[in-house]
């Protein structure tokens, strides 16, 4: 199973980005898919997750700004990030888990003026 994350980049504070995570098999084969992030010197942390039945969960620091969604036909999970702040700067990873766990390679998000 492969997960391919993309969509990161450099954006100014207040800007938006949309991350994509494409899986090599149906996303509904996983009980949950999530986005995590890791900033330099910090531990990896959950940003948002979505279950196979569509329940979503967000970290408090992104509620109201980020939205996780999915497109089953494209085997893709998205993370729409709005009102970005410098503290959102990190490498963002997608994770798929159920019976097994899989991680994507990460995509860098840098929020800076």
C-alpha atoms as a PDB file:
ATOM      1  CA  UNK A   1       0.000   0.000   0.000  1.00  0.00           C
ATOM      2  CA  UNK A   2       1.310   3.440  -0.927  1.00  0.00           C
ATOM      3  CA  UNK A   3       0.232   6.878   0.210  1.00  0.00           C
ATOM      4  CA  UNK A   4       1.292   9.904  -1.822  1.00  0.00           C
ATOM      5  CA  UNK A   5       0.960  13.289  -0.142  1.00  0.00           C
ATOM      6  CA  UNK A   6       1.193  16.531  -2.082  1.00  0.00           C
ATOM      7  CA  UNK A   7       0.080  20.142  -2.091  1.00  0.00           C
ATOM      8  CA  UNK A   8       2.483  21.739   0.346  1.00  0.00           C
ATOM      9  CA  UNK A   9       4.357  24.916  -0.313  1.00  0.00           C
ATOM     10  CA  UNK A  10       5.143  28.425   0.844  1.00  0.00           C
ATOM     11  CA  UNK A  11       2.198  30.647   1.711  1.00  0.00           C
ATOM     12  CA  UNK A  12       1.777  33.958   3.466  1.00  0.00           C
ATOM     13  CA  UNK A  13      -0.010  34.202   6.815  1.00  0.00           C
ATOM     14  CA  UNK A  14      -3.758  34.192   6.246  1.00  0.00           C
ATOM     15  CA  UNK A  15      -3.397  32.209   3.052  1.00  0.00           C
ATOM     16  CA  UNK A  16      -4.724  28.800   2.073  1.00  0.00           C
ATOM     17  CA  UNK A  17      -3.423  25.473   0.834  1.00  0.00           C
ATOM     18  CA  UNK A  18      -5.058  22.176   0.015  1.00  0.00           C
ATOM     19  CA  UNK A  19      -3.153  18.981   0.703  1.00  0.00           C
ATOM     20  CA  UNK A  20      -3.970  15.729  -1.048  1.00  0.00           C
ATOM     21  CA  UNK A  21      -3.226  12.156  -0.045  1.00  0.00           C
ATOM     22  CA  UNK A  22      -3.719   9.556  -2.752  1.00  0.00           C
ATOM     23  CA  UNK A  23      -3.763   5.892  -1.778  1.00  0.00           C
ATOM     24  CA  UNK A  24      -2.965   2.898  -3.959  1.00  0.00           C
ATOM     25  CA  UNK A  25      -6.087   1.082  -2.754  1.00  0.00           C
ATOM     26  CA  UNK A  26      -9.588   2.200  -1.843  1.00  0.00           C
ATOM     27  CA  UNK A  27      -9.623   4.605   1.088  1.00  0.00           C
ATOM     28  CA  UNK A  28     -12.614   2.695   2.452  1.00  0.00           C
ATOM     29  CA  UNK A  29     -10.314  -0.261   3.145  1.00  0.00           C
ATOM     30  CA  UNK A  30      -9.052   1.768   6.104  1.00  0.00           C
ATOM     31  CA  UNK A  31     -10.994   2.446   9.274  1.00  0.00           C
ATOM     32  CA  UNK A  32      -9.486   5.917   9.553  1.00  0.00           C
ATOM     33  CA  UNK A  33      -7.357   8.270   7.531  1.00  0.00           C
ATOM     34  CA  UNK A  34      -5.673  11.233   9.087  1.00  0.00           C
ATOM     35  CA  UNK A  35      -3.338  14.141   8.618  1.00  0.00           C
ATOM     36  CA  UNK A  36      -0.507  14.681  11.053  1.00  0.00           C
ATOM     37  CA  UNK A  37       2.214  17.272  11.229  1.00  0.00           C
ATOM     38  CA  UNK A  38       5.676  17.565  12.666  1.00  0.00           C
ATOM     39  CA  UNK A  39       7.475  20.843  13.211  1.00  0.00           C
ATOM     40  CA  UNK A  40      11.237  21.003  13.784  1.00  0.00           C
ATOM     41  CA  UNK A  41      12.104  19.894  17.295  1.00  0.00           C
ATOM     42  CA  UNK A  42       8.540  18.812  18.063  1.00  0.00           C
ATOM     43  CA  UNK A  43       6.708  15.527  18.125  1.00  0.00           C
ATOM     44  CA  UNK A  44       4.359  14.486  15.378  1.00  0.00           C
ATOM     45  CA  UNK A  45       0.780  15.462  16.212  1.00  0.00           C
ATOM     46  CA  UNK A  46      -2.680  14.751  14.884  1.00  0.00           C
ATOM     47  CA  UNK A  47      -4.226  17.523  12.802  1.00  0.00           C
ATOM     48  CA  UNK A  48      -7.437  15.932  11.535  1.00  0.00           C
ATOM     49  CA  UNK A  49      -8.896  12.507  10.854  1.00  0.00           C
ATOM     50  CA  UNK A  50     -11.841  10.999   9.035  1.00  0.00           C
ATOM     51  CA  UNK A  51     -13.314   7.550   9.552  1.00  0.00           C
ATOM     52  CA  UNK A  52     -14.628   5.184   6.917  1.00  0.00           C
ATOM     53  CA  UNK A  53     -18.175   6.255   7.769  1.00  0.00           C
ATOM     54  CA  UNK A  54     -17.355   9.919   7.566  1.00  0.00           C
ATOM     55  CA  UNK A  55     -16.891  10.995  11.154  1.00  0.00           C
ATOM     56  CA  UNK A  56     -14.281  13.716  11.500  1.00  0.00           C
ATOM     57  CA  UNK A  57     -12.017  14.804  14.323  1.00  0.00           C
ATOM     58  CA  UNK A  58      -9.859  17.913  14.557  1.00  0.00           C
ATOM     59  CA  UNK A  59      -7.114  19.134  16.819  1.00  0.00           C
ATOM     60  CA  UNK A  60      -8.212  22.192  18.780  1.00  0.00           C
ATOM     61  CA  UNK A  61      -5.555  24.349  17.141  1.00  0.00           C
ATOM     62  CA  UNK A  62      -7.098  23.901  13.659  1.00  0.00           C
ATOM     63  CA  UNK A  63     -10.822  23.865  14.418  1.00  0.00           C
ATOM     64  CA  UNK A  64     -12.620  26.335  12.241  1.00  0.00           C
ATOM     65  CA  UNK A  65      -9.644  26.743   9.907  1.00  0.00           C
ATOM     66  CA  UNK A  66      -8.927  23.287   8.451  1.00  0.00           C
ATOM     67  CA  UNK A  67     -11.306  20.817   6.846  1.00  0.00           C
ATOM     68  CA  UNK A  68     -10.652  17.165   6.090  1.00  0.00           C
ATOM     69  CA  UNK A  69     -12.598  15.550   3.279  1.00  0.00           C
ATOM     70  CA  UNK A  70     -12.369  12.639   0.878  1.00  0.00           C
ATOM     71  CA  UNK A  71     -13.174  11.505  -2.635  1.00  0.00           C
ATOM     72  CA  UNK A  72     -13.624   7.756  -2.765  1.00  0.00           C
ATOM     73  CA  UNK A  73     -13.639   7.661  -6.549  1.00  0.00           C
ATOM     74  CA  UNK A  74     -10.160   9.193  -6.557  1.00  0.00           C
ATOM     75  CA  UNK A  75      -8.858   7.308  -3.507  1.00  0.00           C
ATOM     76  CA  UNK A  76      -7.935  10.702  -2.100  1.00  0.00           C
ATOM     77  CA  UNK A  77      -8.211  12.447   1.238  1.00  0.00           C
ATOM     78  CA  UNK A  78      -7.836  16.209   1.350  1.00  0.00           C
ATOM     79  CA  UNK A  79      -6.903  18.744   3.969  1.00  0.00           C
ATOM     80  CA  UNK A  80      -8.136  22.233   3.175  1.00  0.00           C
ATOM     81  CA  UNK A  81      -6.153  24.696   5.248  1.00  0.00           C
ATOM     82  CA  UNK A  82      -7.390  28.274   5.542  1.00  0.00           C
ATOM     83  CA  UNK A  83      -6.256  31.228   7.645  1.00  0.00           C
ATOM     84  CA  UNK A  84      -2.804  29.737   7.895  1.00  0.00           C
ATOM     85  CA  UNK A  85      -0.507  30.928  10.657  1.00  0.00           C
ATOM     86  CA  UNK A  86       3.289  30.792  10.968  1.00  0.00           C
ATOM     87  CA  UNK A  87       2.866  28.154  13.694  1.00  0.00           C
ATOM     88  CA  UNK A  88       1.245  25.858  11.124  1.00  0.00           C
ATOM     89  CA  UNK A  89       4.665  25.487   9.499  1.00  0.00           C
ATOM     90  CA  UNK A  90       5.552  21.797   9.539  1.00  0.00           C
ATOM     91  CA  UNK A  91       5.891  18.681   7.456  1.00  0.00           C
ATOM     92  CA  UNK A  92       2.417  17.238   6.974  1.00  0.00           C
ATOM     93  CA  UNK A  93       1.914  13.498   6.729  1.00  0.00           C
ATOM     94  CA  UNK A  94      -1.078  11.390   5.855  1.00  0.00           C
ATOM     95  CA  UNK A  95      -1.736   8.173   7.695  1.00  0.00           C
ATOM     96  CA  UNK A  96      -4.069   5.315   6.915  1.00  0.00           C
ATOM     97  CA  UNK A  97      -4.862   2.658   9.471  1.00  0.00           C
ATOM     98  CA  UNK A  98      -7.129  -0.220  10.194  1.00  0.00           C
ATOM     99  CA  UNK A  99      -5.694  -3.672  10.579  1.00  0.00           C
ATOM    100  CA  UNK A 100      -2.358  -2.206   9.489  1.00  0.00           C
ATOM    101  CA  UNK A 101      -0.843   1.269   9.475  1.00  0.00           C
ATOM    102  CA  UNK A 102       0.620   3.172   6.550  1.00  0.00           C
ATOM    103  CA  UNK A 103       2.235   6.599   6.258  1.00  0.00           C
ATOM    104  CA  UNK A 104       2.816   8.903   3.335  1.00  0.00           C
ATOM    105  CA  UNK A 105       6.139  10.601   2.710  1.00  0.00           C
ATOM    106  CA  UNK A 106       5.197  14.062   3.986  1.00  0.00           C
ATOM    107  CA  UNK A 107       4.790  17.428   2.329  1.00  0.00           C
ATOM    108  CA  UNK A 108       6.331  20.652   3.612  1.00  0.00           C
ATOM    109  CA  UNK A 109       4.062  23.557   4.527  1.00  0.00           C
ATOM    110  CA  UNK A 110       5.758  26.860   5.269  1.00  0.00           C
ATOM    111  CA  UNK A 111       3.758  29.872   6.407  1.00  0.00           C
ATOM    112  CA  UNK A 112       5.845  33.005   6.252  1.00  0.00           C
ATOM    113  CA  UNK A 113       5.747  36.553   4.996  1.00  0.00           C
END
